[in-house]
Amino acid sequence: MDLQESEISIQTRSLAAMMTFMSKGVEVPPEHLAEGRVFDLGIPTGEDDAKHLFPFRMRSSKDPPKNSFAAVRYQGYWFYINHRDIDSKRALSLIIAVYRFLAPSQSGAAPILTLPTG
């Protein structure tokens, strides 16, 4: 595609690429690493280290989280976003919004809003 001098082209990541990037902010339980369930990417998990690397942080714990924004139990662990972690809450909300925008609608679904054109 040829661009004019006055045009700007922006190529964004796909939703899958965004989710892959955000997965790097998940705190993987040590047992899962030891069992080879996931690859060890060597990403620092310390509070200060991870905060500067990724805009998203999902913690893990054997115990149910307190004060969580979102939480899910999976394979004996709780994965959650702390309610005080504004950056992670915003990142998750953005991914949800992008997903809803890109998700295919049911065929034949009625429009939510109809605007007059004439």
N, C-alpha and C. Protein backbone atom coordinates (compact mmCIF):
# COMPACT_ATOMS: atom_id res chain seq x y z
N MET A 1 0.84 -1.17 0.00
CA MET A 1 0.00 0.00 0.00
C MET A 1 0.89 1.23 0.00
N ASP A 2 0.65 2.12 -0.93
CA ASP A 2 1.41 3.36 -1.01
C ASP A 2 0.73 4.44 -0.18
N LEU A 3 1.51 5.08 0.68
CA LEU A 3 0.98 6.15 1.51
C LEU A 3 1.36 7.50 0.94
N GLN A 4 0.44 8.44 1.11
CA GLN A 4 0.74 9.81 0.76
C GLN A 4 1.61 10.41 1.86
N GLU A 5 2.29 11.48 1.56
CA GLU A 5 3.15 12.12 2.54
C GLU A 5 2.37 12.62 3.76
N SER A 6 1.10 12.94 3.57
CA SER A 6 0.28 13.47 4.67
C SER A 6 -0.45 12.36 5.45
N GLU A 7 -0.21 11.10 5.11
CA GLU A 7 -0.89 9.99 5.77
C GLU A 7 0.01 9.30 6.78
N ILE A 8 -0.61 8.75 7.80
CA ILE A 8 0.10 7.97 8.81
C ILE A 8 -0.53 6.58 8.84
N SER A 9 0.28 5.56 8.83
CA SER A 9 -0.21 4.19 8.88
C SER A 9 0.16 3.59 10.24
N ILE A 10 -0.81 2.97 10.88
CA ILE A 10 -0.58 2.32 12.17
C ILE A 10 -0.99 0.87 12.04
N GLN A 11 -0.07 -0.02 12.36
CA GLN A 11 -0.39 -1.45 12.33
C GLN A 11 -0.40 -1.93 13.78
N THR A 12 -1.55 -2.37 14.24
CA THR A 12 -1.68 -2.80 15.63
C THR A 12 -1.45 -4.30 15.75
N ARG A 13 -1.25 -4.73 16.97
CA ARG A 13 -1.13 -6.16 17.24
C ARG A 13 -2.50 -6.81 17.14
N SER A 14 -2.51 -8.09 16.86
CA SER A 14 -3.77 -8.82 16.87
C SER A 14 -4.16 -9.08 18.32
N LEU A 15 -5.41 -9.47 18.54
CA LEU A 15 -5.87 -9.78 19.89
C LEU A 15 -5.05 -10.93 20.46
N ALA A 16 -4.75 -11.93 19.65
CA ALA A 16 -3.94 -13.06 20.12
C ALA A 16 -2.55 -12.59 20.53
N ALA A 17 -1.95 -11.68 19.78
CA ALA A 17 -0.63 -11.17 20.13
C ALA A 17 -0.69 -10.37 21.43
N MET A 18 -1.76 -9.61 21.62
CA MET A 18 -1.92 -8.85 22.87
C MET A 18 -2.02 -9.79 24.07
N MET A 19 -2.80 -10.85 23.90
CA MET A 19 -2.98 -11.80 25.00
C MET A 19 -1.68 -12.56 25.29
N THR A 20 -0.94 -12.87 24.25
CA THR A 20 0.35 -13.54 24.44
C THR A 20 1.30 -12.63 25.21
N PHE A 21 1.34 -11.36 24.86
CA PHE A 21 2.17 -10.41 25.58
C PHE A 21 1.74 -10.31 27.04
N MET A 22 0.44 -10.20 27.28
CA MET A 22 -0.05 -10.09 28.65
C MET A 22 0.21 -11.35 29.46
N SER A 23 0.29 -12.49 28.81
CA SER A 23 0.55 -13.74 29.55
C SER A 23 1.90 -13.72 30.25
N LYS A 24 2.78 -12.87 29.79
CA LYS A 24 4.10 -12.76 30.43
C LYS A 24 4.01 -12.12 31.81
N GLY A 25 2.87 -11.51 32.11
CA GLY A 25 2.67 -10.90 33.41
C GLY A 25 2.01 -11.82 34.42
N VAL A 26 1.82 -13.09 34.06
CA VAL A 26 1.20 -14.06 34.97
C VAL A 26 2.27 -14.67 35.87
N GLU A 27 2.01 -14.62 37.16
CA GLU A 27 2.91 -15.22 38.16
C GLU A 27 2.66 -16.73 38.16
N VAL A 28 3.61 -17.48 37.63
CA VAL A 28 3.46 -18.93 37.50
C VAL A 28 3.88 -19.59 38.81
N PRO A 29 3.04 -20.48 39.35
CA PRO A 29 3.41 -21.19 40.58
C PRO A 29 4.70 -22.00 40.38
N PRO A 30 5.58 -22.01 41.36
CA PRO A 30 6.84 -22.75 41.24
C PRO A 30 6.63 -24.23 40.91
N GLU A 31 5.57 -24.84 41.45
CA GLU A 31 5.30 -26.25 41.16
C GLU A 31 5.01 -26.48 39.68
N HIS A 32 4.33 -25.54 39.06
CA HIS A 32 4.02 -25.67 37.64
C HIS A 32 5.29 -25.58 36.79
N LEU A 33 6.21 -24.71 37.21
CA LEU A 33 7.50 -24.64 36.51
C LEU A 33 8.29 -25.93 36.69
N ALA A 34 8.34 -26.43 37.93
CA ALA A 34 9.10 -27.64 38.23
C ALA A 34 8.57 -28.86 37.50
N GLU A 35 7.25 -28.92 37.33
CA GLU A 35 6.64 -30.05 36.63
C GLU A 35 6.71 -29.92 35.11
N GLY A 36 7.20 -28.79 34.62
CA GLY A 36 7.30 -28.58 33.18
C GLY A 36 5.98 -28.27 32.51
N ARG A 37 5.00 -27.78 33.27
CA ARG A 37 3.70 -27.44 32.68
C ARG A 37 3.78 -26.22 31.77
N VAL A 38 4.72 -25.34 32.08
CA VAL A 38 4.90 -24.11 31.30
C VAL A 38 6.39 -23.88 31.08
N PHE A 39 6.70 -23.04 30.10
CA PHE A 39 8.08 -22.67 29.86
C PHE A 39 8.49 -21.60 30.86
N ASP A 40 9.71 -21.69 31.34
CA ASP A 40 10.25 -20.63 32.20
C ASP A 40 10.87 -19.58 31.29
N LEU A 41 10.21 -18.45 31.20
CA LEU A 41 10.68 -17.38 30.33
C LEU A 41 11.74 -16.52 31.00
N GLY A 42 12.04 -16.82 32.27
CA GLY A 42 13.05 -16.05 32.99
C GLY A 42 12.62 -14.63 33.29
N ILE A 43 11.33 -14.41 33.38
CA ILE A 43 10.81 -13.08 33.66
C ILE A 43 10.83 -12.85 35.16
N PRO A 44 11.40 -11.73 35.61
CA PRO A 44 11.43 -11.46 37.04
C PRO A 44 10.01 -11.38 37.61
N THR A 45 9.83 -11.97 38.79
CA THR A 45 8.51 -11.95 39.41
C THR A 45 8.47 -11.05 40.63
N GLY A 46 9.58 -10.40 40.93
CA GLY A 46 9.61 -9.47 42.06
C GLY A 46 8.67 -8.30 41.82
N GLU A 47 8.16 -7.74 42.89
CA GLU A 47 7.18 -6.66 42.81
C GLU A 47 7.66 -5.51 41.93
N ASP A 48 8.87 -5.02 42.16
CA ASP A 48 9.37 -3.87 41.41
C ASP A 48 9.77 -4.25 39.98
N ASP A 49 10.37 -5.43 39.81
CA ASP A 49 10.83 -5.85 38.49
C ASP A 49 9.67 -6.00 37.51
N ALA A 50 8.66 -6.74 37.91
CA ALA A 50 7.54 -7.02 37.01
C ALA A 50 6.74 -5.76 36.70
N LYS A 51 6.64 -4.85 37.63
CA LYS A 51 5.86 -3.63 37.44
C LYS A 51 6.42 -2.79 36.28
N HIS A 52 7.73 -2.80 36.12
CA HIS A 52 8.34 -2.00 35.06
C HIS A 52 8.34 -2.70 33.71
N LEU A 53 8.20 -4.02 33.71
CA LEU A 53 8.26 -4.76 32.46
C LEU A 53 6.93 -4.87 31.73
N PHE A 54 5.85 -5.03 32.48
CA PHE A 54 4.55 -5.30 31.88
C PHE A 54 3.47 -4.45 32.52
N PRO A 55 2.49 -4.06 31.73
CA PRO A 55 1.38 -3.27 32.27
C PRO A 55 0.33 -4.16 32.94
N PHE A 56 0.60 -5.45 33.03
CA PHE A 56 -0.36 -6.41 33.53
C PHE A 56 0.31 -7.37 34.49
N ARG A 57 -0.34 -7.62 35.60
CA ARG A 57 0.21 -8.55 36.59
C ARG A 57 -0.91 -9.41 37.15
N MET A 58 -0.82 -10.71 36.93
CA MET A 58 -1.77 -11.65 37.52
C MET A 58 -1.00 -12.50 38.52
N ARG A 59 -1.42 -12.44 39.75
CA ARG A 59 -0.76 -13.17 40.83
C ARG A 59 -1.34 -14.56 40.96
N SER A 60 -0.63 -15.42 41.69
CA SER A 60 -1.14 -16.77 41.96
C SER A 60 -0.94 -17.09 43.43
N SER A 61 -1.84 -17.94 43.94
CA SER A 61 -1.81 -18.30 45.35
C SER A 61 -2.58 -19.59 45.56
N LYS A 62 -2.16 -20.39 46.54
CA LYS A 62 -2.91 -21.59 46.90
C LYS A 62 -4.19 -21.20 47.64
N ASP A 63 -4.14 -20.09 48.36
CA ASP A 63 -5.28 -19.64 49.16
C ASP A 63 -6.15 -18.69 48.36
N PRO A 64 -7.45 -18.67 48.64
CA PRO A 64 -8.33 -17.71 47.95
C PRO A 64 -7.85 -16.28 48.20
N PRO A 65 -7.80 -15.46 47.17
CA PRO A 65 -7.29 -14.09 47.34
C PRO A 65 -8.27 -13.20 48.10
N LYS A 66 -7.71 -12.24 48.79
CA LYS A 66 -8.52 -11.22 49.46
C LYS A 66 -8.37 -9.94 48.64
N ASN A 67 -9.43 -9.20 48.53
CA ASN A 67 -9.41 -7.93 47.83
C ASN A 67 -8.98 -8.07 46.36
N SER A 68 -9.62 -9.01 45.66
CA SER A 68 -9.27 -9.21 44.25
C SER A 68 -10.30 -8.56 43.34
N PHE A 69 -9.83 -8.07 42.21
CA PHE A 69 -10.68 -7.48 41.18
C PHE A 69 -11.31 -8.59 40.34
N ALA A 70 -10.51 -9.58 40.01
CA ALA A 70 -10.95 -10.75 39.25
C ALA A 70 -10.13 -11.94 39.73
N ALA A 71 -10.77 -13.09 39.83
CA ALA A 71 -10.05 -14.28 40.30
C ALA A 71 -10.66 -15.53 39.67
N VAL A 72 -9.80 -16.52 39.45
CA VAL A 72 -10.25 -17.80 38.92
C VAL A 72 -9.38 -18.89 39.56
N ARG A 73 -10.02 -20.01 39.90
CA ARG A 73 -9.28 -21.15 40.46
C ARG A 73 -8.97 -22.10 39.31
N TYR A 74 -7.70 -22.51 39.21
CA TYR A 74 -7.28 -23.38 38.12
C TYR A 74 -6.17 -24.28 38.62
N GLN A 75 -6.38 -25.58 38.53
CA GLN A 75 -5.41 -26.60 38.90
C GLN A 75 -4.81 -26.37 40.29
N GLY A 76 -5.68 -26.13 41.26
CA GLY A 76 -5.25 -26.02 42.65
C GLY A 76 -4.70 -24.67 43.06
N TYR A 77 -4.71 -23.71 42.16
CA TYR A 77 -4.21 -22.36 42.46
C TYR A 77 -5.27 -21.32 42.11
N TRP A 78 -5.20 -20.22 42.81
CA TRP A 78 -6.00 -19.05 42.48
C TRP A 78 -5.13 -18.10 41.67
N PHE A 79 -5.64 -17.66 40.55
CA PHE A 79 -4.98 -16.64 39.73
C PHE A 79 -5.87 -15.41 39.82
N TYR A 80 -5.28 -14.27 40.16
CA TYR A 80 -6.11 -13.10 40.44
C TYR A 80 -5.38 -11.79 40.17
N ILE A 81 -6.19 -10.75 40.05
CA ILE A 81 -5.69 -9.38 39.92
C ILE A 81 -6.07 -8.65 41.19
N ASN A 82 -5.09 -8.08 41.84
CA ASN A 82 -5.32 -7.33 43.07
C ASN A 82 -6.16 -6.09 42.75
N HIS A 83 -7.11 -5.80 43.63
CA HIS A 83 -8.01 -4.67 43.40
C HIS A 83 -7.28 -3.32 43.43
N ARG A 84 -6.10 -3.27 44.05
CA ARG A 84 -5.34 -2.01 44.09
C ARG A 84 -4.41 -1.84 42.89
N ASP A 85 -4.36 -2.83 42.02
CA ASP A 85 -3.48 -2.78 40.85
C ASP A 85 -4.22 -2.15 39.67
N ILE A 86 -4.18 -0.84 39.61
CA ILE A 86 -4.94 -0.09 38.60
C ILE A 86 -4.48 -0.45 37.18
N ASP A 87 -3.17 -0.55 36.96
CA ASP A 87 -2.67 -0.85 35.61
C ASP A 87 -3.19 -2.19 35.10
N SER A 88 -3.17 -3.21 35.95
CA SER A 88 -3.64 -4.53 35.53
C SER A 88 -5.14 -4.54 35.29
N LYS A 89 -5.89 -3.82 36.12
CA LYS A 89 -7.33 -3.73 35.93
C LYS A 89 -7.65 -3.04 34.59
N ARG A 90 -6.92 -2.00 34.28
CA ARG A 90 -7.14 -1.29 33.02
C ARG A 90 -6.76 -2.16 31.83
N ALA A 91 -5.65 -2.90 31.95
CA ALA A 91 -5.20 -3.77 30.85
C ALA A 91 -6.23 -4.87 30.59
N LEU A 92 -6.74 -5.49 31.65
CA LEU A 92 -7.75 -6.53 31.49
C LEU A 92 -9.02 -5.96 30.87
N SER A 93 -9.43 -4.81 31.33
CA SER A 93 -10.63 -4.16 30.79
C SER A 93 -10.46 -3.85 29.31
N LEU A 94 -9.28 -3.42 28.92
CA LEU A 94 -9.02 -3.12 27.51
C LEU A 94 -9.09 -4.39 26.66
N ILE A 95 -8.50 -5.47 27.14
CA ILE A 95 -8.54 -6.74 26.40
C ILE A 95 -9.98 -7.21 26.25
N ILE A 96 -10.77 -7.07 27.31
CA ILE A 96 -12.18 -7.47 27.24
C ILE A 96 -12.92 -6.62 26.20
N ALA A 97 -12.67 -5.32 26.20
CA ALA A 97 -13.32 -4.43 25.24
C ALA A 97 -12.92 -4.78 23.81
N VAL A 98 -11.65 -5.03 23.57
CA VAL A 98 -11.19 -5.39 22.23
C VAL A 98 -11.81 -6.71 21.81
N TYR A 99 -11.85 -7.67 22.72
CA TYR A 99 -12.45 -8.96 22.40
C TYR A 99 -13.92 -8.79 22.01
N ARG A 100 -14.65 -8.02 22.80
CA ARG A 100 -16.08 -7.81 22.51
C ARG A 100 -16.27 -7.11 21.16
N PHE A 101 -15.36 -6.22 20.84
CA PHE A 101 -15.44 -5.52 19.56
C PHE A 101 -15.19 -6.47 18.40
N LEU A 102 -14.24 -7.38 18.57
CA LEU A 102 -13.84 -8.28 17.48
C LEU A 102 -14.63 -9.58 17.44
N ALA A 103 -15.30 -9.93 18.54
CA ALA A 103 -16.02 -11.21 18.59
C ALA A 103 -17.13 -11.22 17.56
N PRO A 104 -17.27 -12.34 16.86
CA PRO A 104 -18.35 -12.41 15.86
C PRO A 104 -19.70 -12.41 16.56
N SER A 105 -20.65 -11.71 15.96
CA SER A 105 -22.00 -11.69 16.52
C SER A 105 -22.77 -12.89 15.99
N GLN A 106 -23.84 -13.21 16.66
CA GLN A 106 -24.69 -14.31 16.21
C GLN A 106 -25.32 -13.91 14.88
N SER A 107 -25.34 -14.84 13.95
CA SER A 107 -25.94 -14.50 12.65
C SER A 107 -27.44 -14.28 12.83
N GLY A 108 -27.92 -13.26 12.17
CA GLY A 108 -29.32 -12.95 12.25
C GLY A 108 -29.72 -12.19 13.51
N ALA A 109 -28.75 -11.80 14.33
CA ALA A 109 -29.09 -11.04 15.54
C ALA A 109 -29.60 -9.66 15.15
N ALA A 110 -30.60 -9.21 15.86
CA ALA A 110 -31.19 -7.89 15.57
C ALA A 110 -30.23 -6.80 16.00
N PRO A 111 -30.24 -5.67 15.30
CA PRO A 111 -29.35 -4.57 15.71
C PRO A 111 -29.78 -4.00 17.05
N ILE A 112 -28.81 -3.52 17.80
CA ILE A 112 -29.09 -2.92 19.09
C ILE A 112 -29.67 -1.52 18.91
N LEU A 113 -29.17 -0.81 17.91
CA LEU A 113 -29.59 0.57 17.69
C LEU A 113 -29.76 0.78 16.19
N THR A 114 -30.86 1.38 15.80
CA THR A 114 -31.10 1.71 14.40
C THR A 114 -31.21 3.22 14.28
N LEU A 115 -30.41 3.82 13.41
CA LEU A 115 -30.42 5.26 13.23
C LEU A 115 -31.07 5.59 11.89
N PRO A 116 -31.91 6.64 11.86
CA PRO A 116 -32.50 7.05 10.58
C PRO A 116 -31.44 7.67 9.69
N THR A 117 -31.53 7.43 8.40
CA THR A 117 -30.56 7.98 7.47
C THR A 117 -31.15 9.05 6.56
N GLY A 118 -32.41 9.29 6.65
CA GLY A 118 -33.02 10.19 5.70
C GLY A 118 -33.55 11.44 6.26
